Amino acid sequence: MFSTNVTHPSTIQGWLVERIADYTERAPHQVDPKVPLAELGMDSVSAVTLCGEIEDRWSLDVDPTLVFDYPTIAEIAGYIAAEFSVAA
């Protein structure tokens, strides 16, 4: 389905940084993966939209509460990577 590289946490994190940068109108280098999304300026509508993008990108079924359960990019990336290691 996906190569290991595509589901590696750093690859996932890079994709998330790009998406969050777009939502918060920042340059990707201004997005710290360890800072909570709320502190980066993500609102609830953007968070729900991001969950939909995650579902589409990785064919995962994620609950919109994902961003509350895993409030940083680094934590979300770890969650997505773990989902693939469980499925493997």
Protein backbone atom coordinates (compact mmCIF):
# COMPACT_ATOMS: atom_id res chain seq x y z
CA MET A 1 0.00 0.00 0.00
CA PHE A 2 2.47 2.69 1.19
CA SER A 3 6.23 2.48 1.23
CA THR A 4 7.93 2.73 4.61
CA ASN A 5 9.30 6.12 3.59
CA VAL A 6 5.81 7.56 3.06
CA THR A 7 4.66 6.39 6.50
CA HIS A 8 7.83 7.33 8.38
CA PRO A 9 7.11 9.90 11.12
CA SER A 10 9.50 12.48 9.65
CA THR A 11 7.83 12.25 6.23
CA ILE A 12 4.40 12.54 7.81
CA GLN A 13 5.59 15.43 9.95
CA GLY A 14 6.93 17.25 6.88
CA TRP A 15 3.56 16.92 5.16
CA LEU A 16 1.77 18.17 8.29
CA VAL A 17 4.13 21.15 8.60
CA GLU A 18 3.31 22.12 5.01
CA ARG A 19 -0.44 21.83 5.63
CA ILE A 20 -0.34 23.76 8.94
CA ALA A 21 1.80 26.45 7.34
CA ASP A 22 -0.86 26.82 4.66
CA TYR A 23 -3.70 27.01 7.19
CA THR A 24 -1.91 29.52 9.41
CA GLU A 25 -0.45 31.55 6.53
CA ARG A 26 3.13 31.03 7.66
CA ALA A 27 6.25 29.81 5.95
CA PRO A 28 6.92 26.13 6.76
CA HIS A 29 10.14 27.03 8.58
CA GLN A 30 8.01 29.10 10.99
CA VAL A 31 5.96 26.08 12.07
CA ASP A 32 7.43 24.27 15.08
CA PRO A 33 6.19 20.65 15.17
CA LYS A 34 6.35 20.67 18.98
CA VAL A 35 4.09 23.70 19.48
CA PRO A 36 0.37 22.95 19.97
CA LEU A 37 -1.73 23.64 16.90
CA ALA A 38 -3.90 26.08 18.84
CA GLU A 39 -0.83 28.17 19.66
CA LEU A 40 0.07 28.18 15.95
CA GLY A 41 -3.34 29.71 15.21
CA MET A 42 -5.30 26.69 14.00
CA ASP A 43 -9.02 27.13 14.54
CA SER A 44 -11.57 24.35 14.93
CA VAL A 45 -12.74 24.53 11.31
CA SER A 46 -9.17 24.16 10.04
CA ALA A 47 -8.56 21.30 12.48
CA VAL A 48 -11.58 19.38 11.19
CA THR A 49 -10.49 20.05 7.60
CA LEU A 50 -7.00 18.80 8.44
CA CYS A 51 -8.50 15.57 9.79
CA GLY A 52 -10.29 15.12 6.47
CA GLU A 53 -7.03 15.65 4.60
CA ILE A 54 -5.32 13.07 6.81
CA GLU A 55 -8.09 10.61 6.02
CA ASP A 56 -7.74 11.25 2.30
CA ARG A 57 -3.92 11.21 2.28
CA TRP A 58 -3.41 8.05 4.30
CA SER A 59 -6.80 6.29 3.95
CA LEU A 60 -7.25 6.39 7.71
CA ASP A 61 -10.48 6.89 9.59
CA VAL A 62 -9.69 9.64 12.12
CA ASP A 63 -11.96 11.33 14.59
CA PRO A 64 -12.01 15.15 14.53
CA THR A 65 -10.89 15.04 18.17
CA LEU A 66 -7.49 13.88 16.90
CA VAL A 67 -6.11 17.41 17.24
CA PHE A 68 -7.18 17.51 20.90
CA ASP A 69 -5.84 14.05 21.69
CA TYR A 70 -2.58 14.77 19.82
CA PRO A 71 -2.21 18.57 19.97
CA THR A 72 1.12 18.95 18.15
CA ILE A 73 2.32 18.07 14.67
CA ALA A 74 4.94 15.74 16.17
CA GLU A 75 2.26 13.87 18.14
CA ILE A 76 -0.09 13.60 15.16
CA ALA A 77 2.75 12.28 12.99
CA GLY A 78 3.59 9.69 15.64
CA TYR A 79 -0.04 8.62 15.81
CA ILE A 80 -0.32 8.21 12.02
CA ALA A 81 2.96 6.26 11.85
CA ALA A 82 1.79 4.02 14.71
CA GLU A 83 -1.45 3.29 12.87
CA PHE A 84 0.58 1.92 9.97
CA SER A 85 2.85 -0.15 12.18
CA VAL A 86 -0.22 -1.72 13.82
CA ALA A 87 -1.73 -2.48 10.39
CA ALA A 88 1.52 -4.06 9.13
